[in-house]
Amino acid sequence: MLSEPPPSSTDAEKTVDSPGWRGRWPIEAEVLLALSATAAGLLAFLLITGTVVNGGFRGIDEAVLLALRNPADLSDPVGPRWFEEFVRDITALGSTGVLTLIVVAVSGFLYLAGDLKKALAVVVWSLAGALLSQFAKAGFARPRPDLVPHAAEVFTLSFPSGHALQSAVIYLTLGTMIAATQQSRRIKFYVLAFAVTLTMLVGMSRVYLGVHWPSDVLAGWTLGAAWACLGWLIFRRIGSEPSRQ
């Protein structure tokens, strides 16, 4: 029998996506990085909050909202009507109803797949994120923007943006969970990039529709991202536990 030829340089390059490559990154470094990201998100949230309380964002907030409206009719967002409807579709991806359906679907799948711990963790962590949003809103009690007419119905307070915060919690947490199951760096990057992009689009849609100040959305993003990073540590711990099946 002929022996197999030695691996080429091209084959060697492909091994960077192998489990062996993952093993070169110490778990301590991953945990430290996640904790640092969590701390950075909380610090950014506190800085934004302090600036908002002192009125530092007022000029920027107003300028951005006015730039997104027709000067002749402030009730008319810039762009064609179809784009306005498209933005409403995007903003619905951060609504309580849509996010609840996503959490139910994911947790149900995990339960049927035999991973009860992760299924419960998804539900508990998502509910905790929703409570975090409500407590933050009640604590700051910032009214909604009154500079321009709202292009969508709103029922809660303004700071931080619940859509931005909860979409960051759900999409970033689930994105990291999916990415952790993949070996390919390209797939990991794609999943995480899509989760980040979706989170950003939801937040920007709230500003376009005039229902949030930009600073509300920034605060929601930072606090939600910090919560998602902390959740990643928990899900990583659950995923590293040996299965008892």
C-alpha atoms as a PDB file:
ATOM      1  CA  MET A   1       0.000   0.000   0.000  1.00  0.00           C
ATOM      2  CA  LEU A   2       1.171   3.503  -0.777  1.00  0.00           C
ATOM      3  CA  SER A   3       1.796   5.737   2.184  1.00  0.00           C
ATOM      4  CA  GLU A   4      -0.024   9.047   2.374  1.00  0.00           C
ATOM      5  CA  PRO A   5       2.003  12.089   1.312  1.00  0.00           C
ATOM      6  CA  PRO A   6       3.119  14.473   4.054  1.00  0.00           C
ATOM      7  CA  PRO A   7       0.711  17.350   4.752  1.00  0.00           C
ATOM      8  CA  SER A   8       1.285  20.407   2.615  1.00  0.00           C
ATOM      9  CA  SER A   9       1.534  23.962   3.869  1.00  0.00           C
ATOM     10  CA  THR A  10      -2.055  24.456   2.711  1.00  0.00           C
ATOM     11  CA  ASP A  11      -3.224  21.559   4.865  1.00  0.00           C
ATOM     12  CA  ALA A  12      -1.324  22.984   7.801  1.00  0.00           C
ATOM     13  CA  GLU A  13      -3.082  26.298   7.410  1.00  0.00           C
ATOM     14  CA  LYS A  14      -6.451  24.561   7.599  1.00  0.00           C
ATOM     15  CA  THR A  15      -5.663  23.267  11.086  1.00  0.00           C
ATOM     16  CA  VAL A  16      -6.175  26.717  12.577  1.00  0.00           C
ATOM     17  CA  ASP A  17      -9.903  25.931  12.655  1.00  0.00           C
ATOM     18  CA  SER A  18      -9.382  22.586  14.354  1.00  0.00           C
ATOM     19  CA  PRO A  19     -10.180  21.788  18.021  1.00  0.00           C
ATOM     20  CA  GLY A  20      -6.424  21.684  18.629  1.00  0.00           C
ATOM     21  CA  TRP A  21      -6.128  25.346  17.745  1.00  0.00           C
ATOM     22  CA  ARG A  22      -8.892  26.192  20.223  1.00  0.00           C
ATOM     23  CA  GLY A  23      -6.964  24.370  22.912  1.00  0.00           C
ATOM     24  CA  ARG A  24      -4.067  26.799  22.605  1.00  0.00           C
ATOM     25  CA  TRP A  25      -6.202  29.628  24.006  1.00  0.00           C
ATOM     26  CA  PRO A  26      -6.210  29.232  27.807  1.00  0.00           C
ATOM     27  CA  ILE A  27      -9.587  29.164  29.484  1.00  0.00           C
ATOM     28  CA  GLU A  28      -8.274  31.700  31.990  1.00  0.00           C
ATOM     29  CA  ALA A  29      -7.677  34.157  29.150  1.00  0.00           C
ATOM     30  CA  GLU A  30     -11.240  33.669  27.849  1.00  0.00           C
ATOM     31  CA  VAL A  31     -12.725  34.235  31.293  1.00  0.00           C
ATOM     32  CA  LEU A  32     -10.549  37.300  31.878  1.00  0.00           C
ATOM     33  CA  LEU A  33     -11.532  38.725  28.495  1.00  0.00           C
ATOM     34  CA  ALA A  34     -15.244  38.183  29.182  1.00  0.00           C
ATOM     35  CA  LEU A  35     -14.968  39.767  32.630  1.00  0.00           C
ATOM     36  CA  SER A  36     -13.078  42.715  31.149  1.00  0.00           C
ATOM     37  CA  ALA A  37     -15.764  43.171  28.487  1.00  0.00           C
ATOM     38  CA  THR A  38     -18.459  43.042  31.160  1.00  0.00           C
ATOM     39  CA  ALA A  39     -16.657  45.649  33.261  1.00  0.00           C
ATOM     40  CA  ALA A  40     -16.089  47.845  30.195  1.00  0.00           C
ATOM     41  CA  GLY A  41     -19.776  47.690  29.313  1.00  0.00           C
ATOM     42  CA  LEU A  42     -20.844  48.613  32.831  1.00  0.00           C
ATOM     43  CA  LEU A  43     -18.333  51.458  32.956  1.00  0.00           C
ATOM     44  CA  ALA A  44     -19.548  52.789  29.597  1.00  0.00           C
ATOM     45  CA  PHE A  45     -23.148  52.607  30.838  1.00  0.00           C
ATOM     46  CA  LEU A  46     -22.279  54.552  33.983  1.00  0.00           C
ATOM     47  CA  LEU A  47     -20.417  57.190  31.976  1.00  0.00           C
ATOM     48  CA  ILE A  48     -23.349  57.608  29.582  1.00  0.00           C
ATOM     49  CA  THR A  49     -25.756  57.772  32.514  1.00  0.00           C
ATOM     50  CA  GLY A  50     -23.727  60.457  34.265  1.00  0.00           C
ATOM     51  CA  THR A  51     -23.515  62.497  31.081  1.00  0.00           C
ATOM     52  CA  VAL A  52     -27.266  62.212  30.496  1.00  0.00           C
ATOM     53  CA  VAL A  53     -28.076  63.241  34.071  1.00  0.00           C
ATOM     54  CA  ASN A  54     -25.901  66.340  33.640  1.00  0.00           C
ATOM     55  CA  GLY A  55     -27.494  67.200  30.293  1.00  0.00           C
ATOM     56  CA  GLY A  56     -24.337  66.558  28.320  1.00  0.00           C
ATOM     57  CA  PHE A  57     -26.022  64.632  25.510  1.00  0.00           C
ATOM     58  CA  ARG A  58     -28.889  67.047  24.998  1.00  0.00           C
ATOM     59  CA  GLY A  59     -27.443  68.883  22.008  1.00  0.00           C
ATOM     60  CA  ILE A  60     -26.362  65.710  20.210  1.00  0.00           C
ATOM     61  CA  ASP A  61     -29.643  63.949  20.954  1.00  0.00           C
ATOM     62  CA  GLU A  62     -31.702  66.785  19.522  1.00  0.00           C
ATOM     63  CA  ALA A  63     -29.467  67.258  16.471  1.00  0.00           C
ATOM     64  CA  VAL A  64     -29.686  63.571  15.521  1.00  0.00           C
ATOM     65  CA  LEU A  65     -33.479  63.398  15.887  1.00  0.00           C
ATOM     66  CA  LEU A  66     -33.975  66.551  13.805  1.00  0.00           C
ATOM     67  CA  ALA A  67     -31.546  65.307  11.135  1.00  0.00           C
ATOM     68  CA  LEU A  68     -33.749  62.247  10.668  1.00  0.00           C
ATOM     69  CA  ARG A  69     -36.915  64.310   9.990  1.00  0.00           C
ATOM     70  CA  ASN A  70     -38.197  66.358   7.114  1.00  0.00           C
ATOM     71  CA  PRO A  71     -37.580  70.015   8.125  1.00  0.00           C
ATOM     72  CA  ALA A  72     -40.899  71.015   6.562  1.00  0.00           C
ATOM     73  CA  ASP A  73     -42.826  68.329   8.468  1.00  0.00           C
ATOM     74  CA  LEU A  74     -41.287  66.905  11.650  1.00  0.00           C
ATOM     75  CA  SER A  75     -43.820  64.074  11.658  1.00  0.00           C
ATOM     76  CA  ASP A  76     -42.253  62.736   8.450  1.00  0.00           C
ATOM     77  CA  PRO A  77     -39.019  60.697   8.854  1.00  0.00           C
ATOM     78  CA  VAL A  78     -36.487  61.144   6.062  1.00  0.00           C
ATOM     79  CA  GLY A  79     -36.625  58.618   3.230  1.00  0.00           C
ATOM     80  CA  PRO A  80     -39.400  56.996   1.219  1.00  0.00           C
ATOM     81  CA  ARG A  81     -42.476  55.475   2.826  1.00  0.00           C
ATOM     82  CA  TRP A  82     -41.333  51.924   2.117  1.00  0.00           C
ATOM     83  CA  PHE A  83     -38.152  52.551   4.114  1.00  0.00           C
ATOM     84  CA  GLU A  84     -40.170  53.787   7.077  1.00  0.00           C
ATOM     85  CA  GLU A  85     -42.187  50.545   7.008  1.00  0.00           C
ATOM     86  CA  PHE A  86     -38.962  48.557   6.689  1.00  0.00           C
ATOM     87  CA  VAL A  87     -37.604  50.255   9.815  1.00  0.00           C
ATOM     88  CA  ARG A  88     -40.805  49.363  11.687  1.00  0.00           C
ATOM     89  CA  ASP A  89     -40.226  45.741  10.709  1.00  0.00           C
ATOM     90  CA  ILE A  90     -36.676  45.955  12.026  1.00  0.00           C
ATOM     91  CA  THR A  91     -37.726  47.562  15.305  1.00  0.00           C
ATOM     92  CA  ALA A  92     -40.221  44.735  15.861  1.00  0.00           C
ATOM     93  CA  LEU A  93     -37.259  42.341  16.099  1.00  0.00           C
ATOM     94  CA  GLY A  94     -36.474  43.967  19.446  1.00  0.00           C
ATOM     95  CA  SER A  95     -40.030  43.880  20.759  1.00  0.00           C
ATOM     96  CA  THR A  96     -41.046  41.834  23.779  1.00  0.00           C
ATOM     97  CA  GLY A  97     -43.298  39.611  21.679  1.00  0.00           C
ATOM     98  CA  VAL A  98     -40.688  38.668  19.074  1.00  0.00           C
ATOM     99  CA  LEU A  99     -37.897  38.174  21.622  1.00  0.00           C
ATOM    100  CA  THR A 100     -40.194  36.014  23.750  1.00  0.00           C
ATOM    101  CA  LEU A 101     -40.942  33.780  20.768  1.00  0.00           C
ATOM    102  CA  ILE A 102     -37.217  33.443  20.051  1.00  0.00           C
ATOM    103  CA  VAL A 103     -36.449  32.506  23.663  1.00  0.00           C
ATOM    104  CA  VAL A 104     -39.294  29.959  23.698  1.00  0.00           C
ATOM    105  CA  ALA A 105     -38.092  28.451  20.410  1.00  0.00           C
ATOM    106  CA  VAL A 106     -34.451  28.187  21.514  1.00  0.00           C
ATOM    107  CA  SER A 107     -35.172  26.908  25.013  1.00  0.00           C
ATOM    108  CA  GLY A 108     -37.691  24.390  23.612  1.00  0.00           C
ATOM    109  CA  PHE A 109     -35.113  23.125  21.123  1.00  0.00           C
ATOM    110  CA  LEU A 110     -32.484  22.765  23.849  1.00  0.00           C
ATOM    111  CA  TYR A 111     -34.938  20.898  26.071  1.00  0.00           C
ATOM    112  CA  LEU A 112     -35.914  18.467  23.306  1.00  0.00           C
ATOM    113  CA  ALA A 113     -32.211  18.012  22.500  1.00  0.00           C
ATOM    114  CA  GLY A 114     -31.669  16.858  26.068  1.00  0.00           C
ATOM    115  CA  ASP A 115     -29.871  19.953  27.370  1.00  0.00           C
ATOM    116  CA  LEU A 116     -32.216  20.938  30.189  1.00  0.00           C
ATOM    117  CA  LYS A 117     -29.654  23.087  31.999  1.00  0.00           C
ATOM    118  CA  LYS A 118     -29.058  25.334  29.011  1.00  0.00           C
ATOM    119  CA  ALA A 119     -32.780  25.500  28.266  1.00  0.00           C
ATOM    120  CA  LEU A 120     -33.483  26.757  31.783  1.00  0.00           C
ATOM    121  CA  ALA A 121     -30.481  29.078  31.660  1.00  0.00           C
ATOM    122  CA  VAL A 122     -31.742  30.725  28.460  1.00  0.00           C
ATOM    123  CA  VAL A 123     -35.153  31.359  30.022  1.00  0.00           C
ATOM    124  CA  VAL A 124     -33.812  32.606  33.366  1.00  0.00           C
ATOM    125  CA  TRP A 125     -31.133  34.822  31.817  1.00  0.00           C
ATOM    126  CA  SER A 126     -33.608  36.350  29.360  1.00  0.00           C
ATOM    127  CA  LEU A 127     -36.137  37.074  32.101  1.00  0.00           C
ATOM    128  CA  ALA A 128     -33.401  38.594  34.240  1.00  0.00           C
ATOM    129  CA  GLY A 129     -32.413  40.849  31.332  1.00  0.00           C
ATOM    130  CA  ALA A 130     -36.028  42.000  30.926  1.00  0.00           C
ATOM    131  CA  LEU A 131     -36.243  42.790  34.653  1.00  0.00           C
ATOM    132  CA  LEU A 132     -32.940  44.660  34.440  1.00  0.00           C
ATOM    133  CA  SER A 133     -34.416  46.826  31.679  1.00  0.00           C
ATOM    134  CA  GLN A 134     -37.553  47.614  33.666  1.00  0.00           C
ATOM    135  CA  PHE A 135     -35.650  48.438  36.856  1.00  0.00           C
ATOM    136  CA  ALA A 136     -33.279  50.724  34.952  1.00  0.00           C
ATOM    137  CA  LYS A 137     -36.173  52.553  33.311  1.00  0.00           C
ATOM    138  CA  ALA A 138     -37.967  52.998  36.628  1.00  0.00           C
ATOM    139  CA  GLY A 139     -34.782  54.163  38.321  1.00  0.00           C
ATOM    140  CA  PHE A 140     -34.052  56.957  35.827  1.00  0.00           C
ATOM    141  CA  ALA A 141     -37.643  57.754  34.791  1.00  0.00           C
ATOM    142  CA  ARG A 142     -36.572  59.713  31.718  1.00  0.00           C
ATOM    143  CA  PRO A 143     -39.508  60.783  29.542  1.00  0.00           C
ATOM    144  CA  ARG A 144     -39.709  59.914  25.866  1.00  0.00           C
ATOM    145  CA  PRO A 145     -38.500  62.470  23.301  1.00  0.00           C
ATOM    146  CA  ASP A 146     -41.042  65.212  22.639  1.00  0.00           C
ATOM    147  CA  LEU A 147     -38.976  66.996  20.009  1.00  0.00           C
ATOM    148  CA  VAL A 148     -40.549  65.090  17.101  1.00  0.00           C
ATOM    149  CA  PRO A 149     -43.779  63.091  16.778  1.00  0.00           C
ATOM    150  CA  HIS A 150     -43.370  59.379  17.424  1.00  0.00           C
ATOM    151  CA  ALA A 151     -43.590  57.096  14.399  1.00  0.00           C
ATOM    152  CA  ALA A 152     -44.324  54.042  16.580  1.00  0.00           C
ATOM    153  CA  GLU A 153     -46.398  53.333  19.673  1.00  0.00           C
ATOM    154  CA  VAL A 154     -44.572  53.383  23.016  1.00  0.00           C
ATOM    155  CA  PHE A 155     -45.785  52.525  26.508  1.00  0.00           C
ATOM    156  CA  THR A 156     -42.760  52.743  28.800  1.00  0.00           C
ATOM    157  CA  LEU A 157     -40.120  55.225  29.900  1.00  0.00           C
ATOM    158  CA  SER A 158     -37.164  56.187  27.752  1.00  0.00           C
ATOM    159  CA  PHE A 159     -33.814  55.503  29.469  1.00  0.00           C
ATOM    160  CA  PRO A 160     -32.280  53.088  28.681  1.00  0.00           C
ATOM    161  CA  SER A 161     -33.839  51.790  25.476  1.00  0.00           C
ATOM    162  CA  GLY A 162     -35.529  48.496  26.262  1.00  0.00           C
ATOM    163  CA  HIS A 163     -35.398  47.389  22.632  1.00  0.00           C
ATOM    164  CA  ALA A 164     -31.649  48.063  22.465  1.00  0.00           C
ATOM    165  CA  LEU A 165     -30.936  46.446  25.836  1.00  0.00           C
ATOM    166  CA  GLN A 166     -33.049  43.326  25.417  1.00  0.00           C
ATOM    167  CA  SER A 167     -32.033  42.714  21.796  1.00  0.00           C
ATOM    168  CA  ALA A 168     -28.398  42.896  22.935  1.00  0.00           C
ATOM    169  CA  VAL A 169     -29.109  40.441  25.749  1.00  0.00           C
ATOM    170  CA  ILE A 170     -30.946  37.940  23.551  1.00  0.00           C
ATOM    171  CA  TYR A 171     -29.130  38.163  20.225  1.00  0.00           C
ATOM    172  CA  LEU A 172     -25.608  38.506  21.625  1.00  0.00           C
ATOM    173  CA  THR A 173     -26.109  35.744  24.191  1.00  0.00           C
ATOM    174  CA  LEU A 174     -27.580  33.339  21.652  1.00  0.00           C
ATOM    175  CA  GLY A 175     -24.936  34.378  19.126  1.00  0.00           C
ATOM    176  CA  THR A 176     -22.122  33.456  21.485  1.00  0.00           C
ATOM    177  CA  MET A 177     -23.852  30.159  22.299  1.00  0.00           C
ATOM    178  CA  ILE A 178     -24.067  29.233  18.611  1.00  0.00           C
ATOM    179  CA  ALA A 179     -20.527  30.413  17.889  1.00  0.00           C
ATOM    180  CA  ALA A 180     -19.205  28.254  20.728  1.00  0.00           C
ATOM    181  CA  THR A 181     -20.493  25.127  18.958  1.00  0.00           C
ATOM    182  CA  GLN A 182     -18.475  25.879  15.806  1.00  0.00           C
ATOM    183  CA  GLN A 183     -14.821  25.164  15.078  1.00  0.00           C
ATOM    184  CA  SER A 184     -14.413  27.420  12.052  1.00  0.00           C
ATOM    185  CA  ARG A 185     -13.320  30.959  12.827  1.00  0.00           C
ATOM    186  CA  ARG A 186     -15.158  32.212   9.761  1.00  0.00           C
ATOM    187  CA  ILE A 187     -18.433  30.745  10.962  1.00  0.00           C
ATOM    188  CA  LYS A 188     -17.863  32.101  14.460  1.00  0.00           C
ATOM    189  CA  PHE A 189     -17.189  35.553  13.037  1.00  0.00           C
ATOM    190  CA  TYR A 190     -20.264  35.386  10.805  1.00  0.00           C
ATOM    191  CA  VAL A 191     -22.590  34.398  13.657  1.00  0.00           C
ATOM    192  CA  LEU A 192     -21.249  37.027  16.056  1.00  0.00           C
ATOM    193  CA  ALA A 193     -21.174  39.731  13.370  1.00  0.00           C
ATOM    194  CA  PHE A 194     -24.792  39.000  12.450  1.00  0.00           C
ATOM    195  CA  ALA A 195     -25.856  39.141  16.116  1.00  0.00           C
ATOM    196  CA  VAL A 196     -24.081  42.477  16.594  1.00  0.00           C
ATOM    197  CA  THR A 197     -25.504  43.903  13.356  1.00  0.00           C
ATOM    198  CA  LEU A 198     -29.038  42.872  14.274  1.00  0.00           C
ATOM    199  CA  THR A 199     -28.664  44.439  17.716  1.00  0.00           C
ATOM    200  CA  MET A 200     -27.388  47.693  16.223  1.00  0.00           C
ATOM    201  CA  LEU A 201     -30.157  47.850  13.610  1.00  0.00           C
ATOM    202  CA  VAL A 202     -32.834  47.456  16.280  1.00  0.00           C
ATOM    203  CA  GLY A 203     -31.317  50.260  18.350  1.00  0.00           C
ATOM    204  CA  MET A 204     -30.921  52.629  15.392  1.00  0.00           C
ATOM    205  CA  SER A 205     -34.516  51.984  14.335  1.00  0.00           C
ATOM    206  CA  ARG A 206     -35.715  53.395  17.670  1.00  0.00           C
ATOM    207  CA  VAL A 207     -33.927  56.672  17.008  1.00  0.00           C
ATOM    208  CA  TYR A 208     -35.196  56.850  13.414  1.00  0.00           C
ATOM    209  CA  LEU A 209     -38.772  56.408  14.621  1.00  0.00           C
ATOM    210  CA  GLY A 210     -38.279  59.196  17.161  1.00  0.00           C
ATOM    211  CA  VAL A 211     -39.213  57.099  20.203  1.00  0.00           C
ATOM    212  CA  HIS A 212     -35.756  57.237  21.815  1.00  0.00           C
ATOM    213  CA  TRP A 213     -32.927  59.687  22.214  1.00  0.00           C
ATOM    214  CA  PRO A 214     -29.627  58.352  20.809  1.00  0.00           C
ATOM    215  CA  SER A 215     -28.213  58.327  24.339  1.00  0.00           C
ATOM    216  CA  ASP A 216     -31.040  55.970  25.392  1.00  0.00           C
ATOM    217  CA  VAL A 217     -29.924  53.509  22.745  1.00  0.00           C
ATOM    218  CA  LEU A 218     -26.229  53.816  23.614  1.00  0.00           C
ATOM    219  CA  ALA A 219     -27.034  53.086  27.244  1.00  0.00           C
ATOM    220  CA  GLY A 220     -29.161  50.083  26.271  1.00  0.00           C
ATOM    221  CA  TRP A 221     -26.428  48.679  24.046  1.00  0.00           C
ATOM    222  CA  THR A 222     -23.685  48.969  26.680  1.00  0.00           C
ATOM    223  CA  LEU A 223     -25.732  47.539  29.538  1.00  0.00           C
ATOM    224  CA  GLY A 224     -27.147  44.770  27.347  1.00  0.00           C
ATOM    225  CA  ALA A 225     -23.708  43.843  25.998  1.00  0.00           C
ATOM    226  CA  ALA A 226     -22.308  43.693  29.532  1.00  0.00           C
ATOM    227  CA  TRP A 227     -25.176  41.403  30.551  1.00  0.00           C
ATOM    228  CA  ALA A 228     -24.568  39.196  27.501  1.00  0.00           C
ATOM    229  CA  CYS A 229     -20.832  38.908  28.293  1.00  0.00           C
ATOM    230  CA  LEU A 230     -21.651  37.851  31.835  1.00  0.00           C
ATOM    231  CA  GLY A 231     -24.166  35.369  30.451  1.00  0.00           C
ATOM    232  CA  TRP A 232     -21.499  33.926  28.166  1.00  0.00           C
ATOM    233  CA  LEU A 233     -19.449  32.983  31.223  1.00  0.00           C
ATOM    234  CA  ILE A 234     -22.430  31.182  32.726  1.00  0.00           C
ATOM    235  CA  PHE A 235     -23.301  29.320  29.536  1.00  0.00           C
ATOM    236  CA  ARG A 236     -19.657  28.397  29.028  1.00  0.00           C
ATOM    237  CA  ARG A 237     -19.579  26.917  32.505  1.00  0.00           C
ATOM    238  CA  ILE A 238     -22.757  24.942  31.838  1.00  0.00           C
ATOM    239  CA  GLY A 239     -21.390  23.736  28.500  1.00  0.00           C
ATOM    240  CA  SER A 240     -18.123  22.565  30.084  1.00  0.00           C
ATOM    241  CA  GLU A 241     -19.912  20.348  32.628  1.00  0.00           C
ATOM    242  CA  PRO A 242     -19.892  16.636  31.749  1.00  0.00           C
ATOM    243  CA  SER A 243     -23.142  15.249  30.455  1.00  0.00           C
ATOM    244  CA  ARG A 244     -24.971  12.756  32.684  1.00  0.00           C
ATOM    245  CA  GLN A 245     -27.010  11.225  29.905  1.00  0.00           C
END
